[in-house]
């Protein structure tokens, strides 16, 4: 019988449960009751299609296993891999001027070899860094702009590293060139 181990965070920021046997579950919100929450095995989708469910008692964090057993073995490297990726994202947000390859090298140097083997390739890790930086700098908000009036240029994009302005035209004045 598995017991509650801890909450972990997925790559996309969703809350997950890691049980004592090493299985990971995500929340199935449509089946929640005031006393329990239902969690589905993270390998629910094809090709594994594991139908195992657990029920988390909200009062004491005890787990009750559903009727279906797991149809796969637990992958013990998943929580460590997720921690490495979250650490890389944090470093990318905290150190926006560091080279991407340096951040990846620093993160991988602190990680066990067996976990490094399960990580994505270097190109994918570089993409993780770029996306994390875009999200933390506010430039990710531009995807939602549908007209030029909706587009908001973040303050980090309007001046140099020495706080000197460099935007010559903002599209909102009649003159075209601004005094800089």
Protein backbone atom coordinates (compact mmCIF):
# COMPACT_ATOMS: atom_id res chain seq x y z
CA UNK A 1 0.00 0.00 0.00
CA UNK A 2 1.61 3.31 -1.06
CA UNK A 3 1.79 6.24 1.30
CA UNK A 4 1.98 9.94 0.58
CA UNK A 5 5.55 11.05 -0.05
CA UNK A 6 5.41 14.66 -1.25
CA UNK A 7 3.96 17.15 -3.68
CA UNK A 8 6.14 17.90 -6.69
CA UNK A 9 5.77 20.32 -9.59
CA UNK A 10 5.53 19.28 -13.22
CA UNK A 11 7.51 20.99 -15.98
CA UNK A 12 4.51 23.16 -16.73
CA UNK A 13 3.95 24.10 -13.11
CA UNK A 14 1.09 21.74 -12.22
CA UNK A 15 1.00 20.12 -8.80
CA UNK A 16 1.64 16.38 -8.71
CA UNK A 17 1.91 13.71 -6.02
CA UNK A 18 4.87 11.40 -5.62
CA UNK A 19 3.96 8.32 -3.59
CA UNK A 20 6.28 6.16 -1.51
CA UNK A 21 6.54 3.57 -4.31
CA UNK A 22 7.85 6.15 -6.79
CA UNK A 23 4.71 6.64 -8.90
CA UNK A 24 3.58 10.11 -9.92
CA UNK A 25 -0.06 11.27 -10.10
CA UNK A 26 -1.82 14.37 -11.38
CA UNK A 27 -5.08 15.74 -10.05
CA UNK A 28 -8.40 14.80 -11.63
CA UNK A 29 -10.42 17.82 -10.49
CA UNK A 30 -13.78 16.65 -11.79
CA UNK A 31 -13.89 13.84 -9.21
CA UNK A 32 -13.07 15.85 -6.07
CA UNK A 33 -15.27 15.74 -2.99
CA UNK A 34 -15.07 17.96 0.10
CA UNK A 35 -13.09 15.26 1.95
CA UNK A 36 -10.93 13.70 -0.78
CA UNK A 37 -9.27 14.56 -4.05
CA UNK A 38 -8.80 12.10 -6.90
CA UNK A 39 -5.43 11.72 -8.59
CA UNK A 40 -4.68 9.79 -11.79
CA UNK A 41 -1.41 8.09 -12.71
CA UNK A 42 0.84 10.34 -14.79
CA UNK A 43 1.20 7.52 -17.34
CA UNK A 44 -2.54 7.61 -18.08
CA UNK A 45 -2.10 8.74 -21.69
CA UNK A 46 -0.96 6.45 -24.55
CA UNK A 47 1.08 4.39 -25.01
CA UNK A 48 0.97 3.19 -21.37
CA UNK A 49 -2.70 4.00 -20.60
CA UNK A 50 -2.32 3.23 -16.89
CA UNK A 51 -5.74 3.46 -15.22
CA UNK A 52 -4.54 3.52 -11.63
CA UNK A 53 -6.12 6.15 -9.38
CA UNK A 54 -5.45 7.20 -5.82
CA UNK A 55 -7.62 9.16 -3.41
CA UNK A 56 -5.97 11.70 -1.13
CA UNK A 57 -7.76 12.35 2.17
CA UNK A 58 -7.53 16.10 2.67
CA UNK A 59 -7.63 15.84 6.47
CA UNK A 60 -4.47 13.78 6.98
CA UNK A 61 -2.84 13.34 3.51
CA UNK A 62 -3.41 9.58 3.57
CA UNK A 63 -3.65 7.74 0.25
CA UNK A 64 -6.19 5.10 -0.76
CA UNK A 65 -5.46 3.05 -3.85
CA UNK A 66 -8.20 2.66 -6.45
CA UNK A 67 -9.33 -0.65 -7.97
CA UNK A 68 -6.94 -0.69 -10.96
CA UNK A 69 -3.25 -1.52 -10.39
CA UNK A 70 -0.40 0.12 -12.30
CA UNK A 71 0.50 -1.57 -15.58
CA UNK A 72 4.09 -0.24 -15.55
CA UNK A 73 7.00 0.05 -13.16
CA UNK A 74 7.84 3.25 -11.29
CA UNK A 75 10.46 5.56 -12.81
CA UNK A 76 12.54 6.75 -9.88
CA UNK A 77 14.47 9.32 -11.92
CA UNK A 78 11.43 11.46 -12.79
CA UNK A 79 11.37 13.58 -9.59
CA UNK A 80 15.12 14.21 -9.80
CA UNK A 81 14.82 15.11 -13.49
CA UNK A 82 11.99 17.56 -12.71
CA UNK A 83 14.08 19.15 -9.95
CA UNK A 84 16.98 19.66 -12.37
CA UNK A 85 14.71 21.30 -14.95
CA UNK A 86 13.13 23.57 -12.31
CA UNK A 87 16.60 24.51 -11.08
CA UNK A 88 17.61 25.38 -14.65
CA UNK A 89 14.50 27.53 -15.06
CA UNK A 90 15.20 29.37 -11.80
CA UNK A 91 18.82 30.04 -12.79
CA UNK A 92 17.71 31.32 -16.20
CA UNK A 93 15.27 33.75 -14.61
CA UNK A 94 17.72 34.89 -11.92
CA UNK A 95 20.72 35.28 -14.27
CA UNK A 96 19.35 36.76 -17.51
CA UNK A 97 22.78 37.91 -18.74
CA UNK A 98 24.59 34.58 -18.27
CA UNK A 99 25.27 32.53 -21.37
CA UNK A 100 22.76 29.75 -21.95
CA UNK A 101 25.47 27.09 -22.28
CA UNK A 102 27.06 28.24 -19.00
CA UNK A 103 23.75 27.87 -17.13
CA UNK A 104 23.24 24.39 -18.58
CA UNK A 105 26.82 23.37 -17.73
CA UNK A 106 26.52 24.65 -14.14
CA UNK A 107 23.22 22.83 -13.64
CA UNK A 108 24.45 19.54 -15.11
CA UNK A 109 27.68 19.68 -13.10
CA UNK A 110 25.63 19.59 -9.87
CA UNK A 111 23.55 16.61 -11.03
CA UNK A 112 24.19 12.87 -10.69
CA UNK A 113 25.26 11.07 -13.88
CA UNK A 114 22.25 8.72 -13.88
CA UNK A 115 19.88 11.71 -13.78
CA UNK A 116 21.83 13.52 -16.55
CA UNK A 117 21.25 10.53 -18.83
CA UNK A 118 17.48 10.94 -18.52
CA UNK A 119 17.46 14.68 -19.33
CA UNK A 120 16.50 16.06 -22.76
CA UNK A 121 19.23 16.89 -25.28
CA UNK A 122 21.19 20.16 -25.09
CA UNK A 123 19.07 21.91 -27.71
CA UNK A 124 15.92 21.20 -25.69
CA UNK A 125 17.60 22.41 -22.49
CA UNK A 126 18.59 25.64 -24.27
CA UNK A 127 14.95 26.08 -25.30
CA UNK A 128 13.92 25.64 -21.64
CA UNK A 129 16.31 28.47 -20.71
CA UNK A 130 15.03 30.77 -23.49
CA UNK A 131 11.40 30.18 -22.57
CA UNK A 132 12.07 30.74 -18.89
CA UNK A 133 13.83 34.02 -19.64
CA UNK A 134 11.03 35.16 -21.93
CA UNK A 135 8.46 34.34 -19.29
CA UNK A 136 10.31 36.11 -16.47
CA UNK A 137 11.15 39.23 -18.51
CA UNK A 138 7.56 39.77 -19.58
CA UNK A 139 8.19 39.28 -23.29
CA UNK A 140 5.96 36.21 -23.29
CA UNK A 141 2.93 38.50 -22.97
CA UNK A 142 3.34 39.71 -26.56
CA UNK A 143 1.85 36.58 -28.05
CA UNK A 144 -1.58 37.74 -26.87
CA UNK A 145 -1.41 41.17 -28.58
CA UNK A 146 -3.68 41.27 -31.63
CA UNK A 147 -3.31 44.96 -32.59
CA UNK A 148 -0.53 47.50 -32.22
CA UNK A 149 -2.51 49.23 -29.46
CA UNK A 150 -2.55 45.99 -27.45
CA UNK A 151 1.19 45.52 -27.77
CA UNK A 152 3.02 46.68 -24.65
CA UNK A 153 6.77 46.96 -24.80
CA UNK A 154 8.22 45.93 -21.42
CA UNK A 155 10.53 48.39 -19.71
CA UNK A 156 13.44 45.95 -20.06
CA UNK A 157 13.17 46.39 -23.84
CA UNK A 158 13.21 50.20 -23.93
CA UNK A 159 16.66 50.96 -22.51
CA UNK A 160 20.21 49.66 -22.68
CA UNK A 161 22.04 47.95 -19.85
CA UNK A 162 23.29 51.41 -18.81
CA UNK A 163 19.67 52.64 -18.55
CA UNK A 164 20.01 54.77 -21.69
CA UNK A 165 16.82 54.90 -23.82
CA UNK A 166 17.08 53.46 -27.34
CA UNK A 167 13.49 53.27 -28.62
CA UNK A 168 13.15 55.92 -31.34
CA UNK A 169 9.57 55.27 -32.40
CA UNK A 170 6.78 53.88 -30.26
CA UNK A 171 3.94 53.97 -32.82
CA UNK A 172 1.76 56.13 -30.60
CA UNK A 173 2.98 59.64 -31.47
CA UNK A 174 2.40 61.69 -34.61
CA UNK A 175 6.02 62.75 -34.92
CA UNK A 176 7.53 59.32 -35.46
CA UNK A 177 10.84 60.14 -33.77
CA UNK A 178 10.95 60.71 -30.06
CA UNK A 179 13.48 62.90 -28.30
CA UNK A 180 15.96 60.59 -26.70
